[in-house]
């Protein structure tokens, strides 16, 4: 694991954009990791938070990989794709 990437305990539910945003600290800089959740039909912030907590490790692992590959979008965010977890 790259020690330069640390995930902080912060989660935002951006309802108008249908996004969950969690945050990584990369070499002292805060990076937004964005999950587009419109396909999940999550009804409110509580459901979105429960969903994220269930799959937190998988999303953080994927985000860390994308950060290491420097897959930032034009806004400097990491876009993490929805995947099916079993």
PDB file of N, CA and C in Angstrom:
ATOM      1  N   UNK A   1       0.848  -1.180   0.000  1.00  0.00           N
ATOM      2  CA  UNK A   1       0.000   0.000   0.000  1.00  0.00           C
ATOM      3  C   UNK A   1       0.890   1.238   0.000  1.00  0.00           C
ATOM      4  N   UNK A   2       0.532   2.207  -0.793  1.00  0.00           N
ATOM      5  CA  UNK A   2       1.270   3.460  -0.882  1.00  0.00           C
ATOM      6  C   UNK A   2       0.901   4.331   0.326  1.00  0.00           C
ATOM      7  N   UNK A   3       1.879   4.609   1.172  1.00  0.00           N
ATOM      8  CA  UNK A   3       1.617   5.387   2.384  1.00  0.00           C
ATOM      9  C   UNK A   3       1.280   6.848   2.075  1.00  0.00           C
ATOM     10  N   UNK A   4       1.514   7.314   0.852  1.00  0.00           N
ATOM     11  CA  UNK A   4       1.210   8.692   0.503  1.00  0.00           C
ATOM     12  C   UNK A   4      -0.296   8.910   0.310  1.00  0.00           C
ATOM     13  N   UNK A   5      -1.086   7.835   0.220  1.00  0.00           N
ATOM     14  CA  UNK A   5      -2.530   7.940   0.037  1.00  0.00           C
ATOM     15  C   UNK A   5      -3.213   7.507   1.323  1.00  0.00           C
ATOM     16  N   UNK A   6      -3.966   8.434   1.914  1.00  0.00           N
ATOM     17  CA  UNK A   6      -4.728   8.132   3.127  1.00  0.00           C
ATOM     18  C   UNK A   6      -6.162   8.594   2.919  1.00  0.00           C
ATOM     19  N   UNK A   7      -7.100   7.759   3.301  1.00  0.00           N
ATOM     20  CA  UNK A   7      -8.508   8.128   3.198  1.00  0.00           C
ATOM     21  C   UNK A   7      -8.969   8.675   4.530  1.00  0.00           C
ATOM     22  N   UNK A   8      -9.658   9.798   4.464  1.00  0.00           N
ATOM     23  CA  UNK A   8     -10.141  10.431   5.682  1.00  0.00           C
ATOM     24  C   UNK A   8     -11.612  10.073   5.891  1.00  0.00           C
ATOM     25  N   UNK A   9     -12.062  10.186   7.096  1.00  0.00           N
ATOM     26  CA  UNK A   9     -13.421   9.809   7.454  1.00  0.00           C
ATOM     27  C   UNK A   9     -14.375  10.960   7.153  1.00  0.00           C
ATOM     28  N   UNK A  10     -14.625  11.153   5.871  1.00  0.00           N
ATOM     29  CA  UNK A  10     -15.527  12.224   5.425  1.00  0.00           C
ATOM     30  C   UNK A  10     -16.255  11.724   4.188  1.00  0.00           C
ATOM     31  N   UNK A  11     -17.556  11.868   4.177  1.00  0.00           N
ATOM     32  CA  UNK A  11     -18.380  11.437   3.063  1.00  0.00           C
ATOM     33  C   UNK A  11     -19.432  12.500   2.806  1.00  0.00           C
ATOM     34  N   UNK A  12     -19.617  12.856   1.550  1.00  0.00           N
ATOM     35  CA  UNK A  12     -20.655  13.825   1.170  1.00  0.00           C
ATOM     36  C   UNK A  12     -21.611  13.173   0.188  1.00  0.00           C
ATOM     37  N   UNK A  13     -22.893  13.444   0.380  1.00  0.00           N
ATOM     38  CA  UNK A  13     -23.942  13.007  -0.532  1.00  0.00           C
ATOM     39  C   UNK A  13     -24.387  14.251  -1.289  1.00  0.00           C
ATOM     40  N   UNK A  14     -24.069  14.306  -2.558  1.00  0.00           N
ATOM     41  CA  UNK A  14     -24.440  15.466  -3.384  1.00  0.00           C
ATOM     42  C   UNK A  14     -25.666  15.095  -4.199  1.00  0.00           C
ATOM     43  N   UNK A  15     -26.804  15.400  -3.609  1.00  0.00           N
ATOM     44  CA  UNK A  15     -28.076  14.970  -4.167  1.00  0.00           C
ATOM     45  C   UNK A  15     -28.359  15.505  -5.575  1.00  0.00           C
ATOM     46  N   UNK A  16     -28.177  16.802  -5.827  1.00  0.00           N
ATOM     47  CA  UNK A  16     -28.519  17.271  -7.182  1.00  0.00           C
ATOM     48  C   UNK A  16     -27.669  16.603  -8.265  1.00  0.00           C
ATOM     49  N   UNK A  17     -26.435  16.252  -7.921  1.00  0.00           N
ATOM     50  CA  UNK A  17     -25.540  15.621  -8.899  1.00  0.00           C
ATOM     51  C   UNK A  17     -25.590  14.097  -8.824  1.00  0.00           C
ATOM     52  N   UNK A  18     -26.332  13.558  -7.883  1.00  0.00           N
ATOM     53  CA  UNK A  18     -26.406  12.106  -7.658  1.00  0.00           C
ATOM     54  C   UNK A  18     -25.019  11.510  -7.507  1.00  0.00           C
ATOM     55  N   UNK A  19     -24.271  12.074  -6.556  1.00  0.00           N
ATOM     56  CA  UNK A  19     -22.908  11.615  -6.317  1.00  0.00           C
ATOM     57  C   UNK A  19     -22.661  11.367  -4.831  1.00  0.00           C
ATOM     58  N   UNK A  20     -21.825  10.374  -4.589  1.00  0.00           N
ATOM     59  CA  UNK A  20     -21.218  10.193  -3.280  1.00  0.00           C
ATOM     60  C   UNK A  20     -19.778  10.619  -3.444  1.00  0.00           C
ATOM     61  N   UNK A  21     -19.282  11.405  -2.521  1.00  0.00           N
ATOM     62  CA  UNK A  21     -17.908  11.880  -2.592  1.00  0.00           C
ATOM     63  C   UNK A  21     -17.206  11.521  -1.291  1.00  0.00           C
ATOM     64  N   UNK A  22     -16.099  10.780  -1.441  1.00  0.00           N
ATOM     65  CA  UNK A  22     -15.253  10.511  -0.292  1.00  0.00           C
ATOM     66  C   UNK A  22     -13.883  11.106  -0.605  1.00  0.00           C
ATOM     67  N   UNK A  23     -13.041  11.224   0.398  1.00  0.00           N
ATOM     68  CA  UNK A  23     -11.843  12.034   0.248  1.00  0.00           C
ATOM     69  C   UNK A  23     -10.578  11.265   0.595  1.00  0.00           C
ATOM     70  N   UNK A  24      -9.555  11.528  -0.202  1.00  0.00           N
ATOM     71  CA  UNK A  24      -8.232  10.968   0.050  1.00  0.00           C
ATOM     72  C   UNK A  24      -7.268  12.118   0.246  1.00  0.00           C
ATOM     73  N   UNK A  25      -6.288  11.879   1.075  1.00  0.00           N
ATOM     74  CA  UNK A  25      -5.207  12.835   1.228  1.00  0.00           C
ATOM     75  C   UNK A  25      -4.007  12.228   0.512  1.00  0.00           C
ATOM     76  N   UNK A  26      -3.503  12.951  -0.481  1.00  0.00           N
ATOM     77  CA  UNK A  26      -2.408  12.468  -1.308  1.00  0.00           C
ATOM     78  C   UNK A  26      -1.269  13.467  -1.209  1.00  0.00           C
ATOM     79  N   UNK A  27      -0.209  13.056  -0.576  1.00  0.00           N
ATOM     80  CA  UNK A  27       0.952  13.922  -0.371  1.00  0.00           C
ATOM     81  C   UNK A  27       0.533  15.292   0.169  1.00  0.00           C
ATOM     82  N   UNK A  28      -0.397  15.283   1.121  1.00  0.00           N
ATOM     83  CA  UNK A  28      -0.842  16.504   1.773  1.00  0.00           C
ATOM     84  C   UNK A  28      -1.973  17.236   1.076  1.00  0.00           C
ATOM     85  N   UNK A  29      -2.369  16.802  -0.120  1.00  0.00           N
ATOM     86  CA  UNK A  29      -3.458  17.455  -0.852  1.00  0.00           C
ATOM     87  C   UNK A  29      -4.740  16.640  -0.713  1.00  0.00           C
ATOM     88  N   UNK A  30      -5.880  17.321  -0.608  1.00  0.00           N
ATOM     89  CA  UNK A  30      -7.174  16.669  -0.508  1.00  0.00           C
ATOM     90  C   UNK A  30      -7.703  16.378  -1.913  1.00  0.00           C
ATOM     91  N   UNK A  31      -8.048  15.123  -2.162  1.00  0.00           N
ATOM     92  CA  UNK A  31      -8.551  14.705  -3.476  1.00  0.00           C
ATOM     93  C   UNK A  31      -9.961  14.159  -3.295  1.00  0.00           C
ATOM     94  N   UNK A  32     -10.893  14.656  -4.118  1.00  0.00           N
ATOM     95  CA  UNK A  32     -12.261  14.139  -4.099  1.00  0.00           C
ATOM     96  C   UNK A  32     -12.327  12.878  -4.936  1.00  0.00           C
ATOM     97  N   UNK A  33     -12.926  11.838  -4.367  1.00  0.00           N
ATOM     98  CA  UNK A  33     -13.176  10.587  -5.078  1.00  0.00           C
ATOM     99  C   UNK A  33     -14.687  10.497  -5.253  1.00  0.00           C
ATOM    100  N   UNK A  34     -15.139  10.480  -6.492  1.00  0.00           N
ATOM    101  CA  UNK A  34     -16.550  10.637  -6.810  1.00  0.00           C
ATOM    102  C   UNK A  34     -17.139   9.335  -7.345  1.00  0.00           C
ATOM    103  N   UNK A  35     -18.292   8.962  -6.788  1.00  0.00           N
ATOM    104  CA  UNK A  35     -19.050   7.811  -7.277  1.00  0.00           C
ATOM    105  C   UNK A  35     -20.388   8.341  -7.775  1.00  0.00           C
ATOM    106  N   UNK A  36     -20.679   8.161  -9.061  1.00  0.00           N
ATOM    107  CA  UNK A  36     -21.985   8.552  -9.604  1.00  0.00           C
ATOM    108  C   UNK A  36     -22.983   7.468  -9.209  1.00  0.00           C
ATOM    109  N   UNK A  37     -24.009   7.833  -8.460  1.00  0.00           N
ATOM    110  CA  UNK A  37     -24.916   6.829  -7.886  1.00  0.00           C
ATOM    111  C   UNK A  37     -26.327   6.880  -8.455  1.00  0.00           C
ATOM    112  N   UNK A  38     -26.548   7.594  -9.542  1.00  0.00           N
ATOM    113  CA  UNK A  38     -27.915   7.748 -10.057  1.00  0.00           C
ATOM    114  C   UNK A  38     -28.556   6.403 -10.402  1.00  0.00           C
ATOM    115  N   UNK A  39     -27.766   5.426 -10.828  1.00  0.00           N
ATOM    116  CA  UNK A  39     -28.327   4.121 -11.191  1.00  0.00           C
ATOM    117  C   UNK A  39     -28.759   3.301  -9.977  1.00  0.00           C
ATOM    118  N   UNK A  40     -28.288   3.681  -8.785  1.00  0.00           N
ATOM    119  CA  UNK A  40     -28.585   2.902  -7.588  1.00  0.00           C
ATOM    120  C   UNK A  40     -29.946   3.215  -6.986  1.00  0.00           C
ATOM    121  N   UNK A  41     -30.544   4.317  -7.356  1.00  0.00           N
ATOM    122  CA  UNK A  41     -31.856   4.713  -6.835  1.00  0.00           C
ATOM    123  C   UNK A  41     -31.853   4.808  -5.310  1.00  0.00           C
ATOM    124  N   UNK A  42     -30.790   5.381  -4.761  1.00  0.00           N
ATOM    125  CA  UNK A  42     -30.734   5.596  -3.317  1.00  0.00           C
ATOM    126  C   UNK A  42     -31.629   6.775  -2.981  1.00  0.00           C
ATOM    127  N   UNK A  43     -32.507   6.610  -2.024  1.00  0.00           N
ATOM    128  CA  UNK A  43     -33.564   7.589  -1.790  1.00  0.00           C
ATOM    129  C   UNK A  43     -33.151   8.794  -0.960  1.00  0.00           C
ATOM    130  N   UNK A  44     -32.127   8.638  -0.116  1.00  0.00           N
ATOM    131  CA  UNK A  44     -31.719   9.765   0.710  1.00  0.00           C
ATOM    132  C   UNK A  44     -30.281   9.575   1.176  1.00  0.00           C
ATOM    133  N   UNK A  45     -29.812  10.541   1.924  1.00  0.00           N
ATOM    134  CA  UNK A  45     -28.423  10.512   2.396  1.00  0.00           C
ATOM    135  C   UNK A  45     -28.139   9.303   3.284  1.00  0.00           C
ATOM    136  N   UNK A  46     -29.089   8.926   4.091  1.00  0.00           N
ATOM    137  CA  UNK A  46     -28.912   7.782   4.979  1.00  0.00           C
ATOM    138  C   UNK A  46     -28.683   6.489   4.187  1.00  0.00           C
ATOM    139  N   UNK A  47     -29.496   6.272   3.150  1.00  0.00           N
ATOM    140  CA  UNK A  47     -29.320   5.082   2.311  1.00  0.00           C
ATOM    141  C   UNK A  47     -27.980   5.124   1.576  1.00  0.00           C
ATOM    142  N   UNK A  48     -27.593   6.296   1.103  1.00  0.00           N
ATOM    143  CA  UNK A  48     -26.316   6.442   0.398  1.00  0.00           C
ATOM    144  C   UNK A  48     -25.144   6.153   1.327  1.00  0.00           C
ATOM    145  N   UNK A  49     -25.237   6.659   2.559  1.00  0.00           N
ATOM    146  CA  UNK A  49     -24.174   6.424   3.539  1.00  0.00           C
ATOM    147  C   UNK A  49     -24.083   4.943   3.889  1.00  0.00           C
ATOM    148  N   UNK A  50     -25.221   4.296   4.093  1.00  0.00           N
ATOM    149  CA  UNK A  50     -25.228   2.860   4.385  1.00  0.00           C
ATOM    150  C   UNK A  50     -24.599   2.066   3.248  1.00  0.00           C
ATOM    151  N   UNK A  51     -24.940   2.416   2.016  1.00  0.00           N
ATOM    152  CA  UNK A  51     -24.372   1.743   0.846  1.00  0.00           C
ATOM    153  C   UNK A  51     -22.853   1.897   0.835  1.00  0.00           C
ATOM    154  N   UNK A  52     -22.376   3.129   1.027  1.00  0.00           N
ATOM    155  CA  UNK A  52     -20.933   3.360   0.989  1.00  0.00           C
ATOM    156  C   UNK A  52     -20.228   2.591   2.098  1.00  0.00           C
ATOM    157  N   UNK A  53     -20.767   2.625   3.287  1.00  0.00           N
ATOM    158  CA  UNK A  53     -20.126   1.927   4.411  1.00  0.00           C
ATOM    159  C   UNK A  53     -20.023   0.431   4.146  1.00  0.00           C
ATOM    160  N   UNK A  54     -20.996  -0.124   3.461  1.00  0.00           N
ATOM    161  CA  UNK A  54     -20.989  -1.553   3.142  1.00  0.00           C
ATOM    162  C   UNK A  54     -19.835  -1.909   2.208  1.00  0.00           C
ATOM    163  N   UNK A  55     -19.503  -0.994   1.293  1.00  0.00           N
ATOM    164  CA  UNK A  55     -18.481  -1.270   0.277  1.00  0.00           C
ATOM    165  C   UNK A  55     -17.281  -0.338   0.380  1.00  0.00           C
ATOM    166  N   UNK A  56     -17.097   0.310   1.514  1.00  0.00           N
ATOM    167  CA  UNK A  56     -16.027   1.300   1.692  1.00  0.00           C
ATOM    168  C   UNK A  56     -14.660   0.758   1.271  1.00  0.00           C
ATOM    169  N   UNK A  57     -14.284  -0.401   1.770  1.00  0.00           N
ATOM    170  CA  UNK A  57     -12.952  -0.931   1.494  1.00  0.00           C
ATOM    171  C   UNK A  57     -12.733  -1.114  -0.008  1.00  0.00           C
ATOM    172  N   UNK A  58     -13.732  -1.649  -0.693  1.00  0.00           N
ATOM    173  CA  UNK A  58     -13.600  -1.889  -2.135  1.00  0.00           C
ATOM    174  C   UNK A  58     -13.451  -0.576  -2.902  1.00  0.00           C
ATOM    175  N   UNK A  59     -14.252   0.441  -2.523  1.00  0.00           N
ATOM    176  CA  UNK A  59     -14.153   1.732  -3.205  1.00  0.00           C
ATOM    177  C   UNK A  59     -12.826   2.421  -2.908  1.00  0.00           C
ATOM    178  N   UNK A  60     -12.370   2.360  -1.673  1.00  0.00           N
ATOM    179  CA  UNK A  60     -11.093   2.981  -1.335  1.00  0.00           C
ATOM    180  C   UNK A  60      -9.935   2.290  -2.055  1.00  0.00           C
ATOM    181  N   UNK A  61     -10.004   0.975  -2.153  1.00  0.00           N
ATOM    182  CA  UNK A  61      -8.962   0.226  -2.852  1.00  0.00           C
ATOM    183  C   UNK A  61      -8.907   0.623  -4.331  1.00  0.00           C
ATOM    184  N   UNK A  62     -10.068   0.722  -4.955  1.00  0.00           N
ATOM    185  CA  UNK A  62     -10.132   1.116  -6.373  1.00  0.00           C
ATOM    186  C   UNK A  62      -9.660   2.556  -6.553  1.00  0.00           C
ATOM    187  N   UNK A  63     -10.076   3.444  -5.664  1.00  0.00           N
ATOM    188  CA  UNK A  63      -9.655   4.844  -5.753  1.00  0.00           C
ATOM    189  C   UNK A  63      -8.142   4.964  -5.604  1.00  0.00           C
ATOM    190  N   UNK A  64      -7.567   4.202  -4.668  1.00  0.00           N
ATOM    191  CA  UNK A  64      -6.123   4.244  -4.480  1.00  0.00           C
ATOM    192  C   UNK A  64      -5.390   3.824  -5.750  1.00  0.00           C
ATOM    193  N   UNK A  65      -5.901   2.792  -6.398  1.00  0.00           N
ATOM    194  CA  UNK A  65      -5.306   2.336  -7.664  1.00  0.00           C
ATOM    195  C   UNK A  65      -5.375   3.443  -8.720  1.00  0.00           C
ATOM    196  N   UNK A  66      -6.529   4.109  -8.835  1.00  0.00           N
ATOM    197  CA  UNK A  66      -6.691   5.184  -9.818  1.00  0.00           C
ATOM    198  C   UNK A  66      -5.789   6.378  -9.493  1.00  0.00           C
ATOM    199  N   UNK A  67      -5.616   6.676  -8.219  1.00  0.00           N
ATOM    200  CA  UNK A  67      -4.728   7.767  -7.806  1.00  0.00           C
ATOM    201  C   UNK A  67      -3.293   7.432  -8.201  1.00  0.00           C
ATOM    202  N   UNK A  68      -2.876   6.202  -7.914  1.00  0.00           N
ATOM    203  CA  UNK A  68      -1.511   5.791  -8.255  1.00  0.00           C
ATOM    204  C   UNK A  68      -1.272   5.822  -9.758  1.00  0.00           C
ATOM    205  N   UNK A  69      -2.330   5.574 -10.540  1.00  0.00           N
ATOM    206  CA  UNK A  69      -2.243   5.626 -12.007  1.00  0.00           C
ATOM    207  C   UNK A  69      -2.454   7.049 -12.533  1.00  0.00           C
ATOM    208  N   UNK A  70      -2.690   7.994 -11.620  1.00  0.00           N
ATOM    209  CA  UNK A  70      -2.920   9.404 -11.944  1.00  0.00           C
ATOM    210  C   UNK A  70      -4.069   9.601 -12.923  1.00  0.00           C
ATOM    211  N   UNK A  71      -5.191   8.955 -12.643  1.00  0.00           N
ATOM    212  CA  UNK A  71      -6.384   9.021 -13.487  1.00  0.00           C
ATOM    213  C   UNK A  71      -7.338  10.120 -13.030  1.00  0.00           C
ATOM    214  N   UNK A  72      -6.836  11.328 -12.898  1.00  0.00           N
ATOM    215  CA  UNK A  72      -7.648  12.461 -12.456  1.00  0.00           C
ATOM    216  C   UNK A  72      -8.457  13.007 -13.626  1.00  0.00           C
ATOM    217  N   UNK A  73      -9.688  13.476 -13.353  1.00  0.00           N
ATOM    218  CA  UNK A  73     -10.467  14.140 -14.394  1.00  0.00           C
ATOM    219  C   UNK A  73     -10.033  15.602 -14.486  1.00  0.00           C
ATOM    220  N   UNK A  74     -10.672  16.373 -15.351  1.00  0.00           N
ATOM    221  CA  UNK A  74     -10.260  17.765 -15.571  1.00  0.00           C
ATOM    222  C   UNK A  74     -10.468  18.639 -14.332  1.00  0.00           C
ATOM    223  N   UNK A  75     -11.312  18.192 -13.394  1.00  0.00           N
ATOM    224  CA  UNK A  75     -11.537  18.939 -12.150  1.00  0.00           C
ATOM    225  C   UNK A  75     -10.599  18.484 -11.039  1.00  0.00           C
ATOM    226  N   UNK A  76      -9.703  17.556 -11.340  1.00  0.00           N
ATOM    227  CA  UNK A  76      -8.769  17.063 -10.343  1.00  0.00           C
ATOM    228  C   UNK A  76      -9.363  16.005  -9.422  1.00  0.00           C
ATOM    229  N   UNK A  77     -10.491  15.429  -9.840  1.00  0.00           N
ATOM    230  CA  UNK A  77     -11.161  14.398  -9.051  1.00  0.00           C
ATOM    231  C   UNK A  77     -10.820  13.013  -9.591  1.00  0.00           C
ATOM    232  N   UNK A  78     -11.044  12.018  -8.743  1.00  0.00           N
ATOM    233  CA  UNK A  78     -10.954  10.621  -9.150  1.00  0.00           C
ATOM    234  C   UNK A  78     -12.378  10.127  -9.296  1.00  0.00           C
ATOM    235  N   UNK A  79     -12.737   9.632 -10.464  1.00  0.00           N
ATOM    236  CA  UNK A  79     -14.082   9.093 -10.702  1.00  0.00           C
ATOM    237  C   UNK A  79     -14.020   7.581 -10.542  1.00  0.00           C
ATOM    238  N   UNK A  80     -14.725   7.099  -9.539  1.00  0.00           N
ATOM    239  CA  UNK A  80     -14.730   5.673  -9.241  1.00  0.00           C
ATOM    240  C   UNK A  80     -16.014   5.077  -9.801  1.00  0.00           C
ATOM    241  N   UNK A  81     -15.871   4.113 -10.683  1.00  0.00           N
ATOM    242  CA  UNK A  81     -17.032   3.483 -11.318  1.00  0.00           C
ATOM    243  C   UNK A  81     -17.815   2.619 -10.334  1.00  0.00           C
ATOM    244  N   UNK A  82     -19.132   2.573 -10.536  1.00  0.00           N
ATOM    245  CA  UNK A  82     -19.953   1.636  -9.777  1.00  0.00           C
ATOM    246  C   UNK A  82     -19.624   0.242 -10.277  1.00  0.00           C
ATOM    247  N   UNK A  83     -19.451  -0.650  -9.365  1.00  0.00           N
ATOM    248  CA  UNK A  83     -19.228  -2.051  -9.736  1.00  0.00           C
ATOM    249  C   UNK A  83     -20.108  -2.924  -8.862  1.00  0.00           C
ATOM    250  N   UNK A  84     -20.359  -4.135  -9.325  1.00  0.00           N
ATOM    251  CA  UNK A  84     -21.141  -5.057  -8.502  1.00  0.00           C
ATOM    252  C   UNK A  84     -20.195  -5.777  -7.557  1.00  0.00           C
ATOM    253  N   UNK A  85     -20.537  -5.716  -6.306  1.00  0.00           N
ATOM    254  CA  UNK A  85     -19.759  -6.408  -5.287  1.00  0.00           C
ATOM    255  C   UNK A  85     -20.591  -7.587  -4.801  1.00  0.00           C
ATOM    256  N   UNK A  86     -19.926  -8.701  -4.651  1.00  0.00           N
ATOM    257  CA  UNK A  86     -20.639  -9.887  -4.160  1.00  0.00           C
ATOM    258  C   UNK A  86     -20.328 -10.134  -2.719  1.00  0.00           C
TER     259      UNK A  86
END
